[in-house]
Amino acid sequence: MKTIITTILLGFFISTGLFAQQTIKNVEHDYVITHVENNVYDVKFLDSEGNILQKGQYWKEGNTVKPHGTWLLYGFDSDKVITKAVYDKGEKLSIETIIDGKVVKANKELIATKNL
């Protein structure tokens, strides 16, 4: 009897790993960078089918680039904007996103206090 209970418990503990949450792999996406003028570059991140996932601009300073201007993040398999962020040479000025169907906004001051 003790062997049967031990076997059942062992089987239970082994099988719980099979029902664990799925691990999501971060997939690298293709991107296209276009020089606009001076230190400003447009960038578009694309999925495997060529759809735009995210787009924005970079500001180049020496060998580094910083987000600049308006950045848009699109919904999965959609052309609907779900997040909009505005930067000035790497400094985040504002962000607007949709959470549970509601638009949530944060300005520069709120971002600074909340470290968003």
N, C-alpha and C. Protein backbone atom coordinates (compact mmCIF):
# COMPACT_ATOMS: atom_id res chain seq x y z
N MET A 1 0.83 -1.19 0.00
CA MET A 1 0.00 0.00 0.00
C MET A 1 0.88 1.26 0.00
N LYS A 2 1.92 1.23 0.83
CA LYS A 2 2.82 2.37 0.91
C LYS A 2 3.51 2.62 -0.43
N THR A 3 3.85 1.56 -1.16
CA THR A 3 4.49 1.67 -2.47
C THR A 3 3.53 2.30 -3.48
N ILE A 4 2.28 1.95 -3.43
CA ILE A 4 1.28 2.49 -4.37
C ILE A 4 1.10 4.00 -4.13
N ILE A 5 0.99 4.41 -2.88
CA ILE A 5 0.82 5.82 -2.56
C ILE A 5 2.06 6.61 -2.98
N THR A 6 3.24 6.05 -2.71
CA THR A 6 4.48 6.71 -3.11
C THR A 6 4.55 6.87 -4.61
N THR A 7 4.16 5.84 -5.35
CA THR A 7 4.16 5.88 -6.81
C THR A 7 3.19 6.94 -7.32
N ILE A 8 2.02 7.02 -6.74
CA ILE A 8 1.02 8.01 -7.16
C ILE A 8 1.53 9.43 -6.89
N LEU A 9 2.10 9.65 -5.69
CA LEU A 9 2.62 10.97 -5.37
C LEU A 9 3.78 11.35 -6.28
N LEU A 10 4.66 10.40 -6.56
CA LEU A 10 5.79 10.66 -7.46
C LEU A 10 5.28 11.02 -8.86
N GLY A 11 4.29 10.28 -9.34
CA GLY A 11 3.69 10.59 -10.65
C GLY A 11 3.04 11.95 -10.67
N PHE A 12 2.40 12.33 -9.56
CA PHE A 12 1.77 13.65 -9.47
C PHE A 12 2.81 14.76 -9.57
N PHE A 13 3.89 14.64 -8.80
CA PHE A 13 4.93 15.69 -8.81
C PHE A 13 5.64 15.78 -10.16
N ILE A 14 5.85 14.68 -10.81
CA ILE A 14 6.49 14.70 -12.13
C ILE A 14 5.57 15.33 -13.17
N SER A 15 4.27 15.01 -13.10
CA SER A 15 3.33 15.52 -14.11
C SER A 15 3.01 16.99 -13.93
N THR A 16 3.21 17.57 -12.75
CA THR A 16 2.90 18.99 -12.57
C THR A 16 3.80 19.87 -13.43
N GLY A 17 4.99 19.42 -13.72
CA GLY A 17 5.87 20.17 -14.60
C GLY A 17 5.34 20.25 -16.02
N LEU A 18 4.53 19.26 -16.40
CA LEU A 18 3.96 19.25 -17.75
C LEU A 18 2.90 20.32 -17.92
N PHE A 19 2.30 20.76 -16.81
CA PHE A 19 1.22 21.74 -16.87
C PHE A 19 1.69 23.14 -16.49
N ALA A 20 2.99 23.36 -16.44
CA ALA A 20 3.54 24.68 -16.10
C ALA A 20 3.21 25.67 -17.20
N GLN A 21 3.36 26.95 -16.89
CA GLN A 21 3.08 27.98 -17.88
C GLN A 21 4.03 27.85 -19.07
N GLN A 22 3.51 28.21 -20.20
CA GLN A 22 4.29 28.15 -21.43
C GLN A 22 5.35 29.25 -21.43
N THR A 23 6.53 28.90 -21.84
CA THR A 23 7.60 29.88 -21.97
C THR A 23 7.51 30.54 -23.33
N ILE A 24 7.55 31.86 -23.33
CA ILE A 24 7.47 32.61 -24.58
C ILE A 24 8.88 33.04 -24.96
N LYS A 25 9.25 32.75 -26.17
CA LYS A 25 10.58 33.09 -26.66
C LYS A 25 10.53 34.47 -27.30
N ASN A 26 11.48 35.32 -26.95
CA ASN A 26 11.57 36.65 -27.55
C ASN A 26 12.19 36.48 -28.94
N VAL A 27 11.41 36.77 -29.95
CA VAL A 27 11.83 36.59 -31.33
C VAL A 27 12.42 37.90 -31.85
N GLU A 28 13.57 37.79 -32.49
CA GLU A 28 14.14 38.99 -33.11
C GLU A 28 13.36 39.30 -34.38
N HIS A 29 13.10 40.57 -34.59
CA HIS A 29 12.34 40.98 -35.76
C HIS A 29 13.25 41.71 -36.74
N ASP A 30 12.85 41.67 -38.00
CA ASP A 30 13.56 42.44 -39.00
C ASP A 30 13.26 43.92 -38.77
N TYR A 31 14.16 44.76 -39.18
CA TYR A 31 13.92 46.19 -39.06
C TYR A 31 14.53 46.91 -40.26
N VAL A 32 13.96 48.07 -40.53
CA VAL A 32 14.42 48.91 -41.63
C VAL A 32 14.75 50.28 -41.05
N ILE A 33 15.97 50.74 -41.28
CA ILE A 33 16.38 52.07 -40.81
C ILE A 33 16.63 52.94 -42.03
N THR A 34 16.05 54.13 -42.00
CA THR A 34 16.18 55.09 -43.10
C THR A 34 16.68 56.41 -42.55
N HIS A 35 17.74 56.95 -43.15
CA HIS A 35 18.26 58.26 -42.73
C HIS A 35 17.30 59.33 -43.21
N VAL A 36 16.84 60.18 -42.30
CA VAL A 36 15.90 61.24 -42.64
C VAL A 36 16.67 62.53 -42.93
N GLU A 37 17.39 63.03 -41.94
CA GLU A 37 18.22 64.22 -42.09
C GLU A 37 19.10 64.36 -40.85
N ASN A 38 20.24 64.97 -41.03
CA ASN A 38 21.19 65.22 -39.93
C ASN A 38 21.35 63.98 -39.05
N ASN A 39 20.92 64.07 -37.78
CA ASN A 39 21.07 62.97 -36.83
C ASN A 39 19.81 62.13 -36.65
N VAL A 40 18.81 62.31 -37.48
CA VAL A 40 17.51 61.64 -37.32
C VAL A 40 17.37 60.48 -38.30
N TYR A 41 16.94 59.32 -37.74
CA TYR A 41 16.74 58.11 -38.53
C TYR A 41 15.37 57.53 -38.22
N ASP A 42 14.62 57.16 -39.25
CA ASP A 42 13.36 56.43 -39.08
C ASP A 42 13.69 54.96 -38.92
N VAL A 43 12.90 54.25 -38.09
CA VAL A 43 13.08 52.81 -37.94
C VAL A 43 11.70 52.15 -37.90
N LYS A 44 11.60 51.00 -38.55
CA LYS A 44 10.38 50.19 -38.54
C LYS A 44 10.77 48.76 -38.20
N PHE A 45 10.11 48.19 -37.21
CA PHE A 45 10.31 46.79 -36.85
C PHE A 45 9.19 45.98 -37.49
N LEU A 46 9.56 44.91 -38.19
CA LEU A 46 8.61 44.14 -39.00
C LEU A 46 8.51 42.70 -38.51
N ASP A 47 7.32 42.11 -38.66
CA ASP A 47 7.18 40.68 -38.37
C ASP A 47 7.61 39.88 -39.59
N SER A 48 7.50 38.56 -39.51
CA SER A 48 7.97 37.70 -40.60
C SER A 48 7.20 37.89 -41.90
N GLU A 49 6.00 38.48 -41.82
CA GLU A 49 5.19 38.71 -43.01
C GLU A 49 5.35 40.13 -43.55
N GLY A 50 6.20 40.93 -42.91
CA GLY A 50 6.44 42.30 -43.37
C GLY A 50 5.52 43.34 -42.78
N ASN A 51 4.65 42.95 -41.84
CA ASN A 51 3.76 43.91 -41.18
C ASN A 51 4.55 44.72 -40.16
N ILE A 52 4.21 46.00 -40.03
CA ILE A 52 4.90 46.87 -39.07
C ILE A 52 4.39 46.57 -37.66
N LEU A 53 5.33 46.26 -36.77
CA LEU A 53 5.01 46.01 -35.36
C LEU A 53 5.20 47.27 -34.53
N GLN A 54 6.25 48.02 -34.88
CA GLN A 54 6.59 49.23 -34.14
C GLN A 54 7.35 50.16 -35.07
N LYS A 55 7.15 51.46 -34.88
CA LYS A 55 7.92 52.40 -35.68
C LYS A 55 8.19 53.65 -34.87
N GLY A 56 9.29 54.31 -35.21
CA GLY A 56 9.67 55.52 -34.52
C GLY A 56 10.90 56.11 -35.15
N GLN A 57 11.59 56.94 -34.37
CA GLN A 57 12.82 57.57 -34.86
C GLN A 57 13.91 57.44 -33.81
N TYR A 58 15.14 57.45 -34.31
CA TYR A 58 16.31 57.48 -33.45
C TYR A 58 17.06 58.79 -33.66
N TRP A 59 17.70 59.27 -32.61
CA TRP A 59 18.60 60.40 -32.66
C TRP A 59 20.00 59.84 -32.46
N LYS A 60 20.89 60.09 -33.38
CA LYS A 60 22.24 59.54 -33.31
C LYS A 60 23.19 60.56 -32.68
N GLU A 61 23.90 60.12 -31.64
CA GLU A 61 24.94 60.92 -30.99
C GLU A 61 26.20 60.07 -30.93
N GLY A 62 27.18 60.39 -31.74
CA GLY A 62 28.40 59.59 -31.77
C GLY A 62 28.08 58.17 -32.25
N ASN A 63 28.40 57.18 -31.42
CA ASN A 63 28.14 55.77 -31.77
C ASN A 63 26.87 55.24 -31.13
N THR A 64 26.09 56.08 -30.48
CA THR A 64 24.86 55.62 -29.84
C THR A 64 23.64 56.24 -30.50
N VAL A 65 22.52 55.53 -30.36
CA VAL A 65 21.24 56.06 -30.85
C VAL A 65 20.27 56.09 -29.68
N LYS A 66 19.41 57.09 -29.69
CA LYS A 66 18.42 57.26 -28.64
C LYS A 66 17.06 57.41 -29.28
N PRO A 67 16.01 56.88 -28.63
CA PRO A 67 14.67 57.09 -29.18
C PRO A 67 14.37 58.58 -29.25
N HIS A 68 13.67 58.97 -30.32
CA HIS A 68 13.40 60.38 -30.56
C HIS A 68 12.06 60.50 -31.29
N GLY A 69 11.34 61.54 -31.04
CA GLY A 69 10.06 61.75 -31.72
C GLY A 69 8.99 60.81 -31.21
N THR A 70 8.01 60.54 -32.04
CA THR A 70 6.87 59.70 -31.67
C THR A 70 7.12 58.25 -32.05
N TRP A 71 6.93 57.35 -31.10
CA TRP A 71 7.05 55.91 -31.32
C TRP A 71 5.66 55.29 -31.20
N LEU A 72 5.34 54.40 -32.13
CA LEU A 72 4.05 53.73 -32.13
C LEU A 72 4.26 52.22 -32.05
N LEU A 73 3.49 51.56 -31.19
CA LEU A 73 3.49 50.11 -31.06
C LEU A 73 2.12 49.62 -31.48
N TYR A 74 2.08 48.68 -32.43
CA TYR A 74 0.82 48.19 -32.97
C TYR A 74 0.42 46.88 -32.31
N GLY A 75 -0.89 46.61 -32.31
CA GLY A 75 -1.40 45.37 -31.77
C GLY A 75 -1.00 44.19 -32.65
N PHE A 76 -1.00 43.00 -32.05
CA PHE A 76 -0.64 41.78 -32.76
C PHE A 76 -1.63 41.54 -33.89
N ASP A 77 -1.11 41.32 -35.09
CA ASP A 77 -1.94 41.09 -36.29
C ASP A 77 -2.98 42.19 -36.49
N SER A 78 -2.58 43.44 -36.28
CA SER A 78 -3.52 44.55 -36.39
C SER A 78 -2.76 45.82 -36.76
N ASP A 79 -3.47 46.76 -37.34
CA ASP A 79 -2.84 48.06 -37.60
C ASP A 79 -3.29 49.08 -36.56
N LYS A 80 -3.87 48.60 -35.46
CA LYS A 80 -4.35 49.46 -34.39
C LYS A 80 -3.19 49.81 -33.45
N VAL A 81 -3.01 51.10 -33.19
CA VAL A 81 -1.96 51.57 -32.28
C VAL A 81 -2.40 51.27 -30.85
N ILE A 82 -1.54 50.55 -30.09
CA ILE A 82 -1.89 50.25 -28.70
C ILE A 82 -1.05 51.07 -27.71
N THR A 83 0.12 51.52 -28.16
CA THR A 83 0.95 52.36 -27.30
C THR A 83 1.62 53.44 -28.14
N LYS A 84 1.61 54.65 -27.60
CA LYS A 84 2.27 55.79 -28.25
C LYS A 84 3.16 56.46 -27.20
N ALA A 85 4.43 56.63 -27.54
CA ALA A 85 5.36 57.30 -26.64
C ALA A 85 6.07 58.42 -27.40
N VAL A 86 6.35 59.51 -26.70
CA VAL A 86 7.03 60.65 -27.31
C VAL A 86 8.34 60.87 -26.56
N TYR A 87 9.43 60.97 -27.34
CA TYR A 87 10.78 61.15 -26.79
C TYR A 87 11.42 62.41 -27.36
N ASP A 88 12.36 62.95 -26.61
CA ASP A 88 13.21 64.02 -27.11
C ASP A 88 14.65 63.61 -26.82
N LYS A 89 15.33 63.13 -27.83
CA LYS A 89 16.73 62.70 -27.74
C LYS A 89 16.97 61.76 -26.56
N GLY A 90 16.10 60.76 -26.43
CA GLY A 90 16.24 59.74 -25.40
C GLY A 90 15.43 59.98 -24.14
N GLU A 91 14.95 61.19 -23.93
CA GLU A 91 14.15 61.48 -22.74
C GLU A 91 12.67 61.25 -23.05
N LYS A 92 12.04 60.39 -22.27
CA LYS A 92 10.62 60.09 -22.49
C LYS A 92 9.78 61.24 -21.96
N LEU A 93 8.99 61.86 -22.86
CA LEU A 93 8.16 63.00 -22.51
C LEU A 93 6.74 62.60 -22.13
N SER A 94 6.21 61.58 -22.81
CA SER A 94 4.85 61.13 -22.50
C SER A 94 4.66 59.72 -23.05
N ILE A 95 3.67 59.05 -22.49
CA ILE A 95 3.30 57.72 -22.97
C ILE A 95 1.79 57.57 -22.84
N GLU A 96 1.20 56.91 -23.80
CA GLU A 96 -0.24 56.67 -23.82
C GLU A 96 -0.44 55.23 -24.29
N THR A 97 -1.19 54.45 -23.52
CA THR A 97 -1.40 53.06 -23.89
C THR A 97 -2.82 52.63 -23.55
N ILE A 98 -3.20 51.50 -24.07
CA ILE A 98 -4.54 50.96 -23.80
C ILE A 98 -4.38 49.76 -22.88
N ILE A 99 -5.04 49.83 -21.71
CA ILE A 99 -5.01 48.73 -20.74
C ILE A 99 -6.46 48.37 -20.43
N ASP A 100 -6.81 47.12 -20.66
CA ASP A 100 -8.19 46.64 -20.43
C ASP A 100 -9.21 47.53 -21.13
N GLY A 101 -8.89 47.97 -22.34
CA GLY A 101 -9.82 48.76 -23.14
C GLY A 101 -9.88 50.24 -22.79
N LYS A 102 -9.09 50.67 -21.80
CA LYS A 102 -9.10 52.07 -21.39
C LYS A 102 -7.77 52.72 -21.72
N VAL A 103 -7.82 53.98 -22.14
CA VAL A 103 -6.61 54.73 -22.47
C VAL A 103 -6.00 55.26 -21.18
N VAL A 104 -4.71 54.96 -20.98
CA VAL A 104 -3.97 55.43 -19.81
C VAL A 104 -2.84 56.31 -20.31
N LYS A 105 -2.72 57.52 -19.72
CA LYS A 105 -1.71 58.49 -20.16
C LYS A 105 -0.81 58.87 -18.99
N ALA A 106 0.44 59.14 -19.33
CA ALA A 106 1.38 59.65 -18.32
C ALA A 106 2.25 60.70 -18.99
N ASN A 107 2.40 61.85 -18.31
CA ASN A 107 3.25 62.90 -18.84
C ASN A 107 4.65 62.79 -18.23
N LYS A 108 5.51 63.70 -18.60
CA LYS A 108 6.92 63.68 -18.16
C LYS A 108 7.04 63.67 -16.63
N GLU A 109 6.26 64.46 -15.94
CA GLU A 109 6.33 64.55 -14.49
C GLU A 109 5.91 63.24 -13.82
N LEU A 110 4.83 62.66 -14.30
CA LEU A 110 4.35 61.39 -13.73
C LEU A 110 5.35 60.27 -14.03
N ILE A 111 5.91 60.27 -15.21
CA ILE A 111 6.92 59.26 -15.57
C ILE A 111 8.11 59.37 -14.63
N ALA A 112 8.54 60.59 -14.34
CA ALA A 112 9.70 60.80 -13.45
C ALA A 112 9.41 60.30 -12.04
N THR A 113 8.18 60.51 -11.54
CA THR A 113 7.87 60.09 -10.17
C THR A 113 7.65 58.59 -10.07
N LYS A 114 7.15 57.97 -11.12
CA LYS A 114 6.85 56.54 -11.11
C LYS A 114 7.95 55.70 -11.74
N ASN A 115 8.97 56.34 -12.34
CA ASN A 115 10.06 55.62 -13.03
C ASN A 115 9.53 54.69 -14.10
N LEU A 116 8.60 55.16 -14.92
CA LEU A 116 8.04 54.35 -16.01
C LEU A 116 8.99 54.29 -17.16
